[in-house]
Amino acid sequence: MQKNYYQKLFKDGLFVTIGSFLLAISINSILLPNSIVAGGANGISIVIHHLFGTSPALVLYVINIPLLVLCFLLLGKEVGFKTIYGSLIYPFFVGITTDFPVFTTNLLLAAIFGGILTGAGLGLVFRGKASTGGTAIISQIVNKYFKIPLGISILFVDGLVILSALFAFNIDTILYSLICLFVIGRVVDALQVGLVRSKNVLIISPKFEEMKKDILEQLDKGVTMIPIEGGYQRGKSMLLMTVIKEKDFAQLKENLLEIDEHAFIVSMNASEVFGRGFSIKKVIDFME
């Protein structure tokens, strides 16, 4: 039990470390050179740097102190200790990557790829059940107590920070910053939910036995059979339910319609699927 705890602690620490490093590269090589204010403590440090020339690393340290107290009170000690680590190592990485080369000076590319890199960094830090301090703590609090997805929480909290950038930058820069913020939210949610998209497929057909056999044997997918009764004719039948990866849906649909071209098929996006062959843990193991 203790061994598993330390393994989990090491894995969480690794996520926080890698995520913090990606965030540092993002701010020094993309966001800061292009004055993209992607919300959060990052955005505040960019605005203050532009107005007063203050070091972003120093601003990040100053912002984190009161928010760390909130983290301990509202998110718990375990998250608090990891967040202390993240809030210390992130400004450290920002300091040592100051002289990294600028990736692009094109504002649109900076908004898109800065958003991707920042979202990936934040997503990994959140996977480690921590944050790098700053307004990320507020986003986690909103997520925990109001059950709002992290990506939406980030959009809301950091959107307020972007509005403050109106005091330092022109409207074009703000609009590019909003694009960056949107990308960050989508990437964070993708990493929280998983990178593999799935579909939940419901099938009604009198040829359900043949379809079940095809799903099990030809497509090598699991299937659940649910007894149903028609609402109009009151006839008894069987509903087939299967969950598949999105890339396999076209083949499944083709096979089913070959068996019964009048089959009733409903497919829905499945944002989170746990279990054999679908566990998010497999995605995280792959990323390691």
Protein backbone atom coordinates (compact mmCIF):
# COMPACT_ATOMS: atom_id res chain seq x y z
CA MET A 1 0.00 0.00 0.00
CA GLN A 2 2.79 2.43 0.96
CA LYS A 3 4.72 1.52 -2.19
CA ASN A 4 1.69 2.36 -4.35
CA TYR A 5 1.31 5.68 -2.52
CA TYR A 6 4.90 6.70 -3.25
CA GLN A 7 4.57 5.55 -6.88
CA LYS A 8 1.46 7.70 -7.25
CA LEU A 9 3.20 10.62 -5.55
CA PHE A 10 6.18 10.29 -7.91
CA LYS A 11 3.90 10.13 -10.96
CA ASP A 12 1.95 13.20 -9.83
CA GLY A 13 5.21 15.04 -9.20
CA LEU A 14 6.42 14.11 -12.68
CA PHE A 15 3.24 15.50 -14.24
CA VAL A 16 3.62 18.76 -12.30
CA THR A 17 7.29 19.08 -13.25
CA ILE A 18 6.80 18.45 -16.98
CA GLY A 19 3.68 20.62 -17.06
CA SER A 20 5.48 23.51 -15.32
CA PHE A 21 8.36 23.28 -17.76
CA LEU A 22 5.99 23.43 -20.75
CA LEU A 23 4.27 26.47 -19.22
CA ALA A 24 7.62 28.20 -18.74
CA ILE A 25 8.61 27.61 -22.37
CA SER A 26 5.20 28.86 -23.49
CA ILE A 27 5.46 32.15 -21.62
CA ASN A 28 9.08 32.91 -22.60
CA SER A 29 9.13 31.64 -26.18
CA ILE A 30 5.60 32.51 -27.34
CA LEU A 31 3.34 34.53 -25.05
CA LEU A 32 5.64 37.19 -23.59
CA PRO A 33 7.41 38.13 -26.87
CA ASN A 34 4.01 38.58 -28.54
CA SER A 35 2.27 40.23 -25.56
CA ILE A 36 -0.38 37.48 -25.55
CA VAL A 37 -2.19 37.66 -22.21
CA ALA A 38 -3.49 34.11 -21.80
CA GLY A 39 -5.12 34.78 -18.46
CA GLY A 40 -3.96 33.59 -15.07
CA ALA A 41 -0.87 34.65 -13.19
CA ASN A 42 0.95 34.33 -16.53
CA GLY A 43 -1.23 37.07 -17.98
CA ILE A 44 -0.87 39.30 -14.93
CA SER A 45 2.93 38.94 -15.04
CA ILE A 46 2.96 39.84 -18.77
CA VAL A 47 0.85 42.96 -18.18
CA ILE A 48 3.03 44.09 -15.25
CA HIS A 49 6.20 43.34 -17.23
CA HIS A 50 4.90 45.47 -20.11
CA LEU A 51 3.94 48.37 -17.81
CA PHE A 52 6.83 48.36 -15.34
CA GLY A 53 9.49 45.98 -16.71
CA THR A 54 9.22 43.73 -13.63
CA SER A 55 10.53 40.16 -13.96
CA PRO A 56 7.65 37.71 -14.66
CA ALA A 57 9.23 35.14 -12.32
CA LEU A 58 9.20 37.64 -9.42
CA VAL A 59 5.55 38.59 -10.08
CA LEU A 60 4.56 34.92 -10.07
CA TYR A 61 6.17 34.38 -6.66
CA VAL A 62 4.36 37.43 -5.19
CA ILE A 63 0.93 36.41 -6.56
CA ASN A 64 1.16 32.85 -5.26
CA ILE A 65 1.54 33.56 -1.53
CA PRO A 66 -2.09 34.53 -0.63
CA LEU A 67 -3.57 32.05 -3.11
CA LEU A 68 -1.61 29.16 -1.54
CA VAL A 69 -3.41 29.86 1.74
CA LEU A 70 -6.74 29.53 -0.09
CA CYS A 71 -5.51 26.30 -1.66
CA PHE A 72 -4.82 24.70 1.72
CA LEU A 73 -8.14 25.84 3.16
CA LEU A 74 -10.41 24.86 0.26
CA LEU A 75 -8.61 22.12 -1.70
CA GLY A 76 -6.97 20.13 1.10
CA LYS A 77 -3.45 19.46 2.32
CA GLU A 78 -2.48 16.93 -0.38
CA VAL A 79 -3.33 19.34 -3.20
CA GLY A 80 -1.80 22.16 -1.14
CA PHE A 81 1.61 20.53 -0.78
CA LYS A 82 1.74 19.63 -4.47
CA THR A 83 0.69 23.16 -5.35
CA ILE A 84 3.50 24.58 -3.22
CA TYR A 85 5.88 22.45 -5.27
CA GLY A 86 4.28 23.63 -8.52
CA SER A 87 4.21 27.27 -7.47
CA LEU A 88 7.92 27.15 -6.62
CA ILE A 89 9.22 25.13 -9.56
CA TYR A 90 7.18 26.98 -12.19
CA PRO A 91 8.71 30.44 -11.54
CA PHE A 92 12.09 28.69 -11.33
CA PHE A 93 11.58 27.26 -14.82
CA VAL A 94 10.38 30.68 -16.03
CA GLY A 95 13.64 32.16 -14.75
CA ILE A 96 15.96 29.60 -16.38
CA THR A 97 14.13 29.65 -19.74
CA THR A 98 14.26 33.45 -20.08
CA ASP A 99 16.81 33.25 -22.89
CA PHE A 100 15.04 30.52 -24.85
CA PRO A 101 14.55 31.44 -28.54
CA VAL A 102 11.28 33.02 -29.68
CA PHE A 103 9.26 30.46 -31.64
CA THR A 104 7.16 32.91 -33.68
CA THR A 105 6.30 36.59 -34.00
CA ASN A 106 3.08 35.94 -35.89
CA LEU A 107 0.24 36.86 -33.51
CA LEU A 108 -2.23 34.27 -34.82
CA LEU A 109 0.32 31.44 -34.64
CA ALA A 110 1.35 32.65 -31.18
CA ALA A 111 -2.27 32.60 -29.99
CA ILE A 112 -2.89 29.08 -31.32
CA PHE A 113 0.37 27.35 -30.43
CA GLY A 114 0.79 29.30 -27.21
CA GLY A 115 -2.67 28.06 -26.26
CA ILE A 116 -1.80 24.47 -27.14
CA LEU A 117 1.47 24.52 -25.18
CA THR A 118 -0.06 26.30 -22.19
CA GLY A 119 -3.10 24.01 -22.20
CA ALA A 120 -0.88 20.93 -22.34
CA GLY A 121 1.20 22.25 -19.44
CA LEU A 122 -1.84 23.10 -17.31
CA GLY A 123 -3.53 19.82 -18.18
CA LEU A 124 -0.52 17.81 -17.01
CA VAL A 125 -0.26 19.83 -13.80
CA PHE A 126 -3.97 19.25 -13.10
CA ARG A 127 -3.50 15.52 -13.83
CA GLY A 128 -0.95 15.62 -11.02
CA LYS A 129 -3.75 17.00 -8.79
CA ALA A 130 -1.91 20.26 -8.27
CA SER A 131 -1.50 23.65 -9.86
CA THR A 132 1.27 26.13 -10.50
CA GLY A 133 -0.41 28.56 -8.15
CA GLY A 134 -1.87 31.83 -9.34
CA THR A 135 -5.42 31.90 -10.70
CA ALA A 136 -5.17 28.17 -11.50
CA ILE A 137 -5.99 27.69 -7.80
CA ILE A 138 -9.16 29.74 -8.23
CA SER A 139 -10.10 27.64 -11.28
CA GLN A 140 -9.66 24.44 -9.25
CA ILE A 141 -11.81 25.85 -6.43
CA VAL A 142 -14.57 26.76 -8.91
CA ASN A 143 -14.29 23.26 -10.43
CA LYS A 144 -14.50 21.52 -7.04
CA TYR A 145 -17.31 23.48 -5.41
CA PHE A 146 -19.46 24.43 -8.42
CA LYS A 147 -18.81 21.27 -10.52
CA ILE A 148 -17.87 23.37 -13.56
CA PRO A 149 -15.40 21.66 -15.96
CA LEU A 150 -11.83 22.86 -15.50
CA GLY A 151 -11.65 24.18 -19.05
CA ILE A 152 -14.74 26.36 -18.49
CA SER A 153 -13.45 27.47 -15.08
CA ILE A 154 -10.22 28.60 -16.68
CA LEU A 155 -12.11 30.48 -19.41
CA PHE A 156 -14.18 32.32 -16.78
CA VAL A 157 -11.42 33.19 -14.31
CA ASP A 158 -8.76 33.99 -16.88
CA GLY A 159 -11.20 35.96 -19.01
CA LEU A 160 -11.32 38.53 -16.20
CA VAL A 161 -7.52 38.75 -16.28
CA ILE A 162 -7.57 39.35 -20.03
CA LEU A 163 -9.95 42.26 -19.53
CA SER A 164 -7.34 43.87 -17.28
CA ALA A 165 -4.93 43.77 -20.23
CA LEU A 166 -6.98 46.56 -21.83
CA PHE A 167 -4.95 48.93 -19.65
CA ALA A 168 -1.70 47.84 -21.31
CA PHE A 169 -2.43 46.59 -24.85
CA ASN A 170 -4.55 47.41 -27.88
CA ILE A 171 -7.79 45.64 -28.77
CA ASP A 172 -6.14 43.44 -31.44
CA THR A 173 -3.82 41.94 -28.83
CA ILE A 174 -6.80 41.30 -26.53
CA LEU A 175 -8.70 39.50 -29.30
CA TYR A 176 -5.70 37.27 -30.05
CA SER A 177 -5.44 36.62 -26.31
CA LEU A 178 -9.08 35.45 -26.26
CA ILE A 179 -8.28 32.98 -29.07
CA CYS A 180 -5.36 31.70 -27.02
CA LEU A 181 -7.57 31.36 -23.92
CA PHE A 182 -10.19 29.38 -25.84
CA VAL A 183 -7.51 26.98 -27.12
CA ILE A 184 -6.13 26.56 -23.59
CA GLY A 185 -9.57 25.58 -22.25
CA ARG A 186 -10.14 23.01 -25.00
CA VAL A 187 -6.70 21.43 -24.56
CA VAL A 188 -7.08 21.24 -20.77
CA ASP A 189 -10.47 19.53 -21.11
CA ALA A 190 -9.04 17.12 -23.70
CA LEU A 191 -6.26 16.08 -21.31
CA GLN A 192 -8.68 15.78 -18.39
CA VAL A 193 -11.20 13.64 -20.28
CA GLY A 194 -8.73 11.75 -22.46
CA LEU A 195 -7.29 11.93 -25.93
CA VAL A 196 -9.21 8.94 -27.32
CA ARG A 197 -12.73 9.87 -28.43
CA SER A 198 -15.44 7.23 -28.14
CA LYS A 199 -19.01 6.72 -29.25
CA ASN A 200 -21.92 5.01 -27.52
CA VAL A 201 -23.98 3.26 -30.21
CA LEU A 202 -27.56 2.01 -29.73
CA ILE A 203 -29.04 -0.39 -32.32
CA ILE A 204 -32.59 -1.69 -32.79
CA SER A 205 -33.20 -4.37 -35.42
CA PRO A 206 -35.06 -7.69 -35.74
CA LYS A 207 -31.70 -9.14 -36.85
CA PHE A 208 -30.08 -8.36 -33.50
CA GLU A 209 -28.59 -11.87 -33.12
CA GLU A 210 -26.71 -11.58 -36.40
CA MET A 211 -25.60 -8.08 -35.51
CA LYS A 212 -24.42 -9.17 -32.08
CA LYS A 213 -22.33 -11.91 -33.65
CA ASP A 214 -20.79 -9.46 -36.13
CA ILE A 215 -19.91 -6.96 -33.38
CA LEU A 216 -18.35 -9.65 -31.18
CA GLU A 217 -16.54 -11.71 -33.80
CA GLN A 218 -15.84 -9.48 -36.81
CA LEU A 219 -15.27 -6.17 -35.05
CA ASP A 220 -14.02 -7.65 -31.76
CA LYS A 221 -16.12 -5.21 -29.71
CA GLY A 222 -18.17 -5.75 -26.58
CA VAL A 223 -21.95 -5.51 -26.73
CA THR A 224 -24.78 -5.36 -24.20
CA MET A 225 -28.28 -6.70 -24.93
CA ILE A 226 -31.19 -4.87 -23.31
CA PRO A 227 -34.81 -6.19 -23.57
CA ILE A 228 -37.16 -3.48 -24.88
CA GLU A 229 -40.81 -3.03 -25.86
CA GLY A 230 -42.02 -0.86 -28.73
CA GLY A 231 -44.19 2.08 -27.70
CA TYR A 232 -46.56 1.89 -30.69
CA GLN A 233 -46.88 -1.78 -31.69
CA ARG A 234 -45.97 -3.05 -28.20
CA GLY A 235 -43.70 -5.67 -29.78
CA LYS A 236 -40.87 -7.22 -27.78
CA SER A 237 -37.37 -6.80 -29.11
CA MET A 238 -33.75 -6.32 -28.09
CA LEU A 239 -31.63 -3.16 -27.92
CA LEU A 240 -27.91 -3.60 -28.60
CA MET A 241 -25.51 -1.18 -26.98
CA THR A 242 -21.81 -0.97 -27.74
CA VAL A 243 -19.10 1.58 -26.98
CA ILE A 244 -16.40 1.94 -29.62
CA LYS A 245 -13.56 4.26 -30.51
CA GLU A 246 -14.64 7.01 -32.88
CA LYS A 247 -12.35 5.77 -35.65
CA ASP A 248 -14.20 2.41 -35.68
CA PHE A 249 -17.69 3.89 -36.10
CA ALA A 250 -17.67 4.01 -39.91
CA GLN A 251 -16.82 0.29 -40.13
CA LEU A 252 -19.45 -0.60 -37.53
CA LYS A 253 -22.17 1.35 -39.35
CA GLU A 254 -21.25 -0.24 -42.69
CA ASN A 255 -21.37 -3.76 -41.22
CA LEU A 256 -24.71 -3.18 -39.48
CA LEU A 257 -26.41 -1.70 -42.55
CA GLU A 258 -25.21 -4.64 -44.65
CA ILE A 259 -27.11 -6.92 -42.27
CA ASP A 260 -30.21 -4.72 -42.05
CA GLU A 261 -30.43 -1.55 -44.12
CA HIS A 262 -33.51 -0.49 -42.12
CA ALA A 263 -31.85 -0.84 -38.73
CA PHE A 264 -32.41 2.01 -36.25
CA ILE A 265 -28.95 3.25 -35.17
CA VAL A 266 -28.22 6.06 -32.75
CA SER A 267 -24.65 7.19 -31.96
CA MET A 268 -23.66 9.58 -29.19
CA ASN A 269 -20.31 10.99 -28.17
CA ALA A 270 -19.01 9.39 -24.99
CA SER A 271 -16.74 11.90 -23.26
CA GLU A 272 -15.54 9.62 -20.45
CA VAL A 273 -15.34 5.84 -20.73
CA PHE A 274 -13.76 3.66 -18.06
CA GLY A 275 -13.10 -0.06 -18.25
CA ARG A 276 -11.23 -2.58 -20.32
CA GLY A 277 -9.95 -1.09 -23.56
CA PHE A 278 -11.14 2.43 -22.74
CA SER A 279 -9.65 3.45 -19.41
CA ILE A 280 -8.19 6.95 -19.33
CA LYS A 281 -5.31 5.40 -17.39
CA LYS A 282 -4.13 3.86 -20.68
CA VAL A 283 -3.92 7.34 -22.21
CA ILE A 284 -1.87 8.62 -19.28
CA ASP A 285 0.40 5.54 -19.35
CA PHE A 286 0.98 6.20 -23.05
CA MET A 287 1.89 9.81 -22.33
CA GLU A 288 4.46 8.68 -19.78
